[in-house]
N, C-alpha and C. Protein backbone atom coordinates (compact mmCIF):
# COMPACT_ATOMS: atom_id res chain seq x y z
N MET A 1 39.02 -29.97 12.68
CA MET A 1 38.37 -29.92 13.96
C MET A 1 36.93 -30.40 13.79
N LYS A 2 36.56 -31.37 14.59
CA LYS A 2 35.22 -31.92 14.54
C LYS A 2 34.34 -31.21 15.55
N MET A 3 33.07 -30.96 15.12
CA MET A 3 32.11 -30.35 16.02
C MET A 3 31.14 -31.41 16.50
N SER A 4 30.78 -31.31 17.72
CA SER A 4 29.81 -32.26 18.25
C SER A 4 28.43 -31.88 17.74
N ALA A 5 27.53 -32.83 17.75
CA ALA A 5 26.16 -32.60 17.29
C ALA A 5 25.48 -31.52 18.13
N SER A 6 25.77 -31.49 19.42
CA SER A 6 25.14 -30.48 20.27
C SER A 6 25.67 -29.08 19.93
N MET A 7 26.95 -28.98 19.57
CA MET A 7 27.52 -27.69 19.20
C MET A 7 26.91 -27.20 17.89
N VAL A 8 26.72 -28.08 16.91
CA VAL A 8 26.08 -27.72 15.65
C VAL A 8 24.64 -27.28 15.90
N GLY A 9 23.92 -28.02 16.73
CA GLY A 9 22.55 -27.66 17.06
C GLY A 9 22.46 -26.30 17.73
N PHE A 10 23.41 -26.03 18.64
CA PHE A 10 23.43 -24.74 19.31
C PHE A 10 23.68 -23.61 18.32
N MET A 11 24.58 -23.80 17.37
CA MET A 11 24.91 -22.76 16.38
C MET A 11 23.71 -22.50 15.46
N VAL A 12 23.02 -23.55 15.06
CA VAL A 12 21.83 -23.39 14.21
C VAL A 12 20.76 -22.64 14.97
N LEU A 13 20.54 -23.01 16.22
CA LEU A 13 19.55 -22.33 17.06
C LEU A 13 19.91 -20.85 17.24
N LEU A 14 21.18 -20.56 17.49
CA LEU A 14 21.65 -19.19 17.65
C LEU A 14 21.43 -18.40 16.37
N PHE A 15 21.72 -19.01 15.22
CA PHE A 15 21.54 -18.35 13.93
C PHE A 15 20.07 -17.96 13.74
N PHE A 16 19.15 -18.88 13.95
CA PHE A 16 17.74 -18.58 13.75
C PHE A 16 17.22 -17.58 14.77
N TYR A 17 17.70 -17.64 16.01
CA TYR A 17 17.26 -16.69 17.02
C TYR A 17 17.74 -15.29 16.68
N ALA A 18 18.97 -15.16 16.19
CA ALA A 18 19.55 -13.85 15.85
C ALA A 18 18.85 -13.22 14.66
N CYS A 19 18.25 -14.02 13.80
CA CYS A 19 17.60 -13.50 12.60
C CYS A 19 16.13 -13.15 12.81
N GLN A 20 15.62 -13.32 13.99
CA GLN A 20 14.22 -13.02 14.25
C GLN A 20 14.02 -11.50 14.24
N PRO A 21 12.95 -11.00 13.59
CA PRO A 21 12.69 -9.57 13.61
C PRO A 21 12.26 -9.11 15.00
N ASP A 22 12.47 -7.83 15.26
CA ASP A 22 12.09 -7.27 16.55
C ASP A 22 10.58 -7.06 16.65
N VAL A 23 9.91 -7.03 15.52
CA VAL A 23 8.47 -6.79 15.50
C VAL A 23 7.76 -8.10 15.82
N HIS A 24 6.83 -8.07 16.77
CA HIS A 24 6.10 -9.26 17.15
C HIS A 24 4.67 -9.17 16.63
N LEU A 25 4.43 -9.81 15.50
CA LEU A 25 3.12 -9.81 14.86
C LEU A 25 2.61 -11.24 14.80
N PRO A 26 1.31 -11.42 14.63
CA PRO A 26 0.78 -12.77 14.54
C PRO A 26 1.42 -13.54 13.39
N ALA A 27 1.48 -14.85 13.51
CA ALA A 27 2.06 -15.69 12.46
C ALA A 27 1.34 -15.43 11.14
N GLY A 28 2.10 -15.33 10.08
CA GLY A 28 1.51 -15.12 8.77
C GLY A 28 1.24 -13.66 8.45
N CYS A 29 1.59 -12.74 9.35
CA CYS A 29 1.37 -11.32 9.10
C CYS A 29 2.64 -10.73 8.49
N PRO A 30 2.60 -10.41 7.19
CA PRO A 30 3.82 -9.94 6.53
C PRO A 30 4.21 -8.54 6.98
N VAL A 31 5.50 -8.34 7.14
CA VAL A 31 6.05 -7.03 7.44
C VAL A 31 6.88 -6.64 6.23
N SER A 32 6.58 -5.51 5.65
CA SER A 32 7.33 -5.06 4.48
C SER A 32 7.78 -3.63 4.70
N PRO A 33 9.00 -3.45 5.20
CA PRO A 33 9.48 -2.11 5.54
C PRO A 33 9.44 -1.14 4.36
N GLY A 34 9.62 -1.65 3.14
CA GLY A 34 9.60 -0.79 1.96
C GLY A 34 8.20 -0.48 1.50
N GLY A 35 7.22 -1.11 2.07
CA GLY A 35 5.83 -0.88 1.68
C GLY A 35 5.35 -1.89 0.66
N ASP A 36 4.07 -2.06 0.59
CA ASP A 36 3.43 -2.92 -0.39
C ASP A 36 2.73 -2.05 -1.40
N THR A 37 2.75 -2.46 -2.67
CA THR A 37 2.04 -1.74 -3.71
C THR A 37 0.68 -2.37 -3.89
N LEU A 38 -0.34 -1.54 -3.94
CA LEU A 38 -1.71 -1.99 -4.06
C LEU A 38 -2.37 -1.19 -5.18
N VAL A 39 -3.07 -1.88 -6.07
CA VAL A 39 -3.78 -1.22 -7.16
C VAL A 39 -5.28 -1.36 -6.89
N LEU A 40 -5.96 -0.21 -6.80
CA LEU A 40 -7.38 -0.19 -6.47
C LEU A 40 -8.20 0.39 -7.62
N SER A 41 -9.25 -0.31 -7.98
CA SER A 41 -10.24 0.24 -8.90
C SER A 41 -11.30 0.94 -8.05
N ALA A 42 -11.97 1.91 -8.63
CA ALA A 42 -12.99 2.65 -7.89
C ALA A 42 -14.10 1.72 -7.40
N ASN A 43 -14.44 1.87 -6.14
CA ASN A 43 -15.54 1.14 -5.49
C ASN A 43 -15.38 -0.38 -5.47
N GLN A 44 -14.15 -0.86 -5.55
CA GLN A 44 -13.86 -2.29 -5.45
C GLN A 44 -13.07 -2.54 -4.17
N PRO A 45 -13.69 -3.05 -3.11
CA PRO A 45 -13.00 -3.26 -1.84
C PRO A 45 -11.82 -4.23 -1.98
N ARG A 46 -10.73 -3.90 -1.27
CA ARG A 46 -9.56 -4.79 -1.21
C ARG A 46 -9.15 -4.93 0.24
N VAL A 47 -8.86 -6.15 0.65
CA VAL A 47 -8.41 -6.42 2.02
C VAL A 47 -6.90 -6.47 2.02
N ILE A 48 -6.29 -5.73 2.94
CA ILE A 48 -4.84 -5.78 3.10
C ILE A 48 -4.53 -6.24 4.52
N PHE A 49 -3.35 -6.79 4.70
CA PHE A 49 -2.94 -7.36 5.98
C PHE A 49 -4.00 -8.34 6.47
N ALA A 50 -4.53 -9.17 5.56
CA ALA A 50 -5.63 -10.08 5.87
C ALA A 50 -5.27 -11.08 6.96
N SER A 51 -4.01 -11.49 7.02
CA SER A 51 -3.63 -12.49 8.02
C SER A 51 -3.24 -11.86 9.35
N CYS A 52 -3.36 -10.55 9.44
CA CYS A 52 -2.98 -9.85 10.67
C CYS A 52 -4.19 -9.67 11.57
N ASP A 53 -3.91 -9.29 12.78
CA ASP A 53 -5.00 -8.99 13.71
C ASP A 53 -5.65 -7.65 13.37
N THR A 54 -5.06 -6.91 12.45
CA THR A 54 -5.58 -5.59 12.08
C THR A 54 -5.88 -5.52 10.59
N ALA A 55 -6.52 -6.53 10.06
CA ALA A 55 -6.86 -6.53 8.63
C ALA A 55 -7.66 -5.28 8.28
N LEU A 56 -7.35 -4.70 7.13
CA LEU A 56 -8.03 -3.50 6.67
C LEU A 56 -8.72 -3.75 5.35
N THR A 57 -9.89 -3.17 5.18
CA THR A 57 -10.55 -3.16 3.88
C THR A 57 -10.46 -1.74 3.35
N LEU A 58 -9.86 -1.60 2.18
CA LEU A 58 -9.72 -0.28 1.54
C LEU A 58 -10.63 -0.21 0.33
N VAL A 59 -11.27 0.95 0.17
CA VAL A 59 -12.09 1.20 -1.01
C VAL A 59 -11.72 2.58 -1.54
N ALA A 60 -11.38 2.65 -2.81
CA ALA A 60 -11.18 3.95 -3.46
C ALA A 60 -12.56 4.43 -3.86
N THR A 61 -13.14 5.33 -3.08
CA THR A 61 -14.50 5.78 -3.34
C THR A 61 -14.57 6.76 -4.51
N GLN A 62 -13.44 7.43 -4.78
CA GLN A 62 -13.43 8.38 -5.88
C GLN A 62 -12.00 8.55 -6.38
N ILE A 63 -11.85 8.55 -7.71
CA ILE A 63 -10.55 8.81 -8.35
C ILE A 63 -10.74 10.02 -9.25
N ASN A 64 -10.05 11.11 -8.92
CA ASN A 64 -10.14 12.34 -9.70
C ASN A 64 -8.81 12.59 -10.40
N ASP A 65 -8.84 12.65 -11.72
CA ASP A 65 -7.63 12.88 -12.51
C ASP A 65 -7.88 14.05 -13.45
N SER A 66 -7.35 15.21 -13.10
CA SER A 66 -7.52 16.39 -13.96
C SER A 66 -6.21 16.72 -14.69
N ARG A 67 -5.29 15.74 -14.77
CA ARG A 67 -4.04 15.97 -15.49
C ARG A 67 -4.34 16.18 -16.97
N CYS A 68 -3.47 16.93 -17.61
CA CYS A 68 -3.61 17.17 -19.05
C CYS A 68 -3.47 15.83 -19.76
N PRO A 69 -4.46 15.44 -20.59
CA PRO A 69 -4.37 14.15 -21.27
C PRO A 69 -3.20 14.11 -22.27
N GLU A 70 -2.71 12.92 -22.49
CA GLU A 70 -1.64 12.72 -23.48
C GLU A 70 -2.13 13.24 -24.83
N GLY A 71 -1.33 14.08 -25.48
CA GLY A 71 -1.71 14.66 -26.76
C GLY A 71 -2.46 15.96 -26.64
N GLY A 72 -2.74 16.40 -25.42
CA GLY A 72 -3.48 17.65 -25.20
C GLY A 72 -2.54 18.82 -24.98
N VAL A 73 -3.06 20.02 -25.16
CA VAL A 73 -2.34 21.26 -24.86
C VAL A 73 -3.12 21.92 -23.73
N CYS A 74 -2.49 22.06 -22.58
CA CYS A 74 -3.19 22.52 -21.40
C CYS A 74 -2.48 23.72 -20.79
N VAL A 75 -3.26 24.54 -20.06
CA VAL A 75 -2.72 25.71 -19.38
C VAL A 75 -2.02 25.29 -18.08
N TRP A 76 -2.53 24.27 -17.43
CA TRP A 76 -1.90 23.77 -16.21
C TRP A 76 -1.81 22.25 -16.26
N SER A 77 -0.94 21.70 -15.43
CA SER A 77 -0.67 20.26 -15.50
C SER A 77 -1.77 19.41 -14.86
N GLY A 78 -2.60 20.02 -14.01
CA GLY A 78 -3.67 19.27 -13.36
C GLY A 78 -3.18 18.56 -12.11
N ARG A 79 -4.05 17.75 -11.55
CA ARG A 79 -3.70 17.03 -10.33
C ARG A 79 -4.46 15.72 -10.26
N VAL A 80 -4.00 14.87 -9.37
CA VAL A 80 -4.62 13.56 -9.17
C VAL A 80 -4.94 13.43 -7.69
N GLU A 81 -6.17 13.01 -7.39
CA GLU A 81 -6.61 12.80 -6.01
C GLU A 81 -7.42 11.51 -5.93
N VAL A 82 -7.30 10.86 -4.80
CA VAL A 82 -8.07 9.64 -4.55
C VAL A 82 -8.66 9.73 -3.15
N SER A 83 -9.94 9.42 -3.04
CA SER A 83 -10.60 9.34 -1.74
C SER A 83 -10.66 7.87 -1.34
N LEU A 84 -10.14 7.57 -0.15
CA LEU A 84 -10.14 6.20 0.36
C LEU A 84 -11.05 6.09 1.57
N LEU A 85 -11.61 4.91 1.73
CA LEU A 85 -12.41 4.60 2.91
C LEU A 85 -11.83 3.33 3.53
N LEU A 86 -11.42 3.42 4.80
CA LEU A 86 -10.86 2.28 5.52
C LEU A 86 -11.95 1.64 6.36
N ASN A 87 -12.19 0.36 6.15
CA ASN A 87 -13.17 -0.42 6.91
C ASN A 87 -14.53 0.28 6.99
N ASN A 88 -14.92 0.95 5.95
CA ASN A 88 -16.21 1.67 5.89
C ASN A 88 -16.41 2.65 7.04
N GLN A 89 -15.31 3.15 7.63
CA GLN A 89 -15.43 4.02 8.78
C GLN A 89 -14.57 5.28 8.70
N PHE A 90 -13.43 5.19 8.07
CA PHE A 90 -12.41 6.24 8.18
C PHE A 90 -12.02 6.70 6.79
N ALA A 91 -12.28 7.99 6.48
CA ALA A 91 -12.01 8.52 5.14
C ALA A 91 -10.66 9.23 5.09
N ILE A 92 -9.95 9.04 3.97
CA ILE A 92 -8.66 9.68 3.73
C ILE A 92 -8.67 10.26 2.32
N GLN A 93 -8.15 11.47 2.18
CA GLN A 93 -8.01 12.11 0.87
C GLN A 93 -6.52 12.14 0.54
N LEU A 94 -6.14 11.55 -0.59
CA LEU A 94 -4.73 11.49 -1.00
C LEU A 94 -4.50 12.28 -2.28
N GLU A 95 -3.34 12.93 -2.35
CA GLU A 95 -2.88 13.56 -3.57
C GLU A 95 -1.65 12.81 -4.04
N LYS A 96 -1.40 12.84 -5.35
CA LYS A 96 -0.25 12.09 -5.90
C LYS A 96 1.06 12.56 -5.27
N ALA A 97 1.87 11.57 -4.92
CA ALA A 97 3.23 11.75 -4.39
C ALA A 97 3.27 12.34 -2.98
N LYS A 98 2.13 12.46 -2.32
CA LYS A 98 2.13 12.93 -0.93
C LYS A 98 1.77 11.76 -0.03
N THR A 99 2.47 11.67 1.08
CA THR A 99 2.28 10.57 2.02
C THR A 99 1.46 11.03 3.21
N ILE A 100 0.52 10.19 3.61
CA ILE A 100 -0.25 10.44 4.82
C ILE A 100 0.09 9.32 5.81
N ASP A 101 0.51 9.73 7.00
CA ASP A 101 0.70 8.78 8.09
C ASP A 101 -0.53 8.87 8.98
N THR A 102 -1.12 7.74 9.26
CA THR A 102 -2.35 7.74 10.04
C THR A 102 -2.32 6.62 11.07
N ILE A 103 -3.12 6.75 12.08
CA ILE A 103 -3.28 5.71 13.10
C ILE A 103 -4.72 5.22 13.01
N TYR A 104 -4.86 3.92 12.89
CA TYR A 104 -6.19 3.32 12.83
C TYR A 104 -6.16 2.06 13.69
N ARG A 105 -7.06 1.97 14.65
CA ARG A 105 -7.13 0.85 15.59
C ARG A 105 -5.78 0.60 16.27
N ASN A 106 -5.18 1.67 16.71
CA ASN A 106 -3.91 1.64 17.45
C ASN A 106 -2.72 1.13 16.65
N HIS A 107 -2.81 1.15 15.33
CA HIS A 107 -1.68 0.78 14.49
C HIS A 107 -1.40 1.91 13.51
N ARG A 108 -0.12 2.14 13.24
CA ARG A 108 0.27 3.23 12.35
C ARG A 108 0.45 2.71 10.93
N TYR A 109 -0.04 3.51 9.98
CA TYR A 109 0.09 3.19 8.56
C TYR A 109 0.61 4.41 7.82
N SER A 110 1.40 4.16 6.82
CA SER A 110 1.88 5.21 5.93
C SER A 110 1.34 4.88 4.54
N ILE A 111 0.56 5.81 3.95
CA ILE A 111 -0.10 5.56 2.67
C ILE A 111 0.29 6.66 1.69
N THR A 112 0.75 6.26 0.50
CA THR A 112 1.15 7.20 -0.54
C THR A 112 0.43 6.85 -1.83
N LEU A 113 -0.15 7.85 -2.48
CA LEU A 113 -0.70 7.67 -3.82
C LEU A 113 0.46 7.86 -4.80
N THR A 114 0.92 6.78 -5.41
CA THR A 114 2.07 6.87 -6.31
C THR A 114 1.67 7.21 -7.74
N ASP A 115 0.45 6.81 -8.16
CA ASP A 115 0.01 7.13 -9.52
C ASP A 115 -1.45 6.76 -9.70
N VAL A 116 -2.01 7.23 -10.78
CA VAL A 116 -3.31 6.79 -11.27
C VAL A 116 -3.08 6.35 -12.70
N VAL A 117 -3.45 5.12 -13.01
CA VAL A 117 -3.20 4.56 -14.35
C VAL A 117 -4.49 4.02 -14.94
N PRO A 118 -4.62 3.90 -16.24
CA PRO A 118 -3.70 4.43 -17.24
C PRO A 118 -3.88 5.94 -17.38
N TYR A 119 -2.86 6.56 -17.95
CA TYR A 119 -2.90 7.99 -18.21
C TYR A 119 -3.92 8.24 -19.30
N ARG A 120 -4.75 9.27 -19.12
CA ARG A 120 -5.79 9.55 -20.11
C ARG A 120 -5.18 10.03 -21.43
N ILE A 121 -5.85 9.72 -22.55
CA ILE A 121 -5.42 10.12 -23.89
C ILE A 121 -6.51 10.99 -24.49
N ILE A 122 -6.10 12.12 -25.10
CA ILE A 122 -7.08 13.05 -25.68
C ILE A 122 -7.88 12.36 -26.78
N ASN A 123 -9.15 12.69 -26.84
CA ASN A 123 -10.09 12.19 -27.85
C ASN A 123 -10.29 10.69 -27.83
N GLN A 124 -9.95 10.02 -26.75
CA GLN A 124 -10.20 8.58 -26.65
C GLN A 124 -11.53 8.38 -25.94
N ASN A 125 -12.47 7.79 -26.64
CA ASN A 125 -13.80 7.54 -26.06
C ASN A 125 -14.16 6.09 -26.22
N PRO A 126 -14.59 5.43 -25.20
CA PRO A 126 -14.62 5.94 -23.84
C PRO A 126 -13.22 5.92 -23.23
N GLN A 127 -13.02 6.74 -22.23
CA GLN A 127 -11.74 6.75 -21.52
C GLN A 127 -11.62 5.44 -20.72
N PRO A 128 -10.42 4.89 -20.62
CA PRO A 128 -10.26 3.65 -19.86
C PRO A 128 -10.55 3.87 -18.37
N VAL A 129 -10.96 2.82 -17.71
CA VAL A 129 -11.20 2.87 -16.27
C VAL A 129 -9.86 3.04 -15.57
N GLN A 130 -9.79 4.03 -14.72
CA GLN A 130 -8.53 4.31 -14.05
C GLN A 130 -8.45 3.60 -12.70
N GLN A 131 -7.22 3.33 -12.29
CA GLN A 131 -6.97 2.66 -11.03
C GLN A 131 -5.94 3.46 -10.24
N ALA A 132 -6.09 3.46 -8.94
CA ALA A 132 -5.15 4.13 -8.04
C ALA A 132 -4.05 3.15 -7.64
N VAL A 133 -2.80 3.60 -7.72
CA VAL A 133 -1.65 2.79 -7.30
C VAL A 133 -1.15 3.39 -6.00
N LEU A 134 -1.23 2.58 -4.94
CA LEU A 134 -0.87 3.04 -3.60
C LEU A 134 0.33 2.26 -3.07
N SER A 135 1.11 2.92 -2.23
CA SER A 135 2.15 2.27 -1.47
C SER A 135 1.71 2.34 -0.01
N ILE A 136 1.61 1.19 0.62
CA ILE A 136 1.11 1.13 2.01
C ILE A 136 2.12 0.39 2.88
N THR A 137 2.46 1.01 4.00
CA THR A 137 3.38 0.41 4.95
C THR A 137 2.73 0.42 6.31
N ARG A 138 2.78 -0.71 6.97
CA ARG A 138 2.33 -0.78 8.37
C ARG A 138 3.56 -0.48 9.21
N ILE A 139 3.51 0.60 9.94
CA ILE A 139 4.69 1.07 10.69
C ILE A 139 4.69 0.50 12.10
């Protein structure tokens, strides 16, 4: 069975139309339902969603890691916290493995502190500069 050129064109058009996402964002604005991983050093601004109408600048203003260092004997396991500043206006405090859903400039974001790396090692001087590993999703 032969298909006419117009029928092939219609099927291709239908295929591309059916595959369009329901989210209407500016061209070049990536949508990642699973989230994007971002690694932040303290006080080093990073721009995310740069091609979007809602570009954000994130700064990890403070990284606190009180976990027991590798090779240490500790009474408690400690905790990890990161203070973030969005666009020099909006502060967020994150704890490891906890997700914060927030609204900023009428857009929803889900932010999770997944880790702080590298893990500290006992008696290592100087200690390496630590970085916050975040998972960020624009909802």
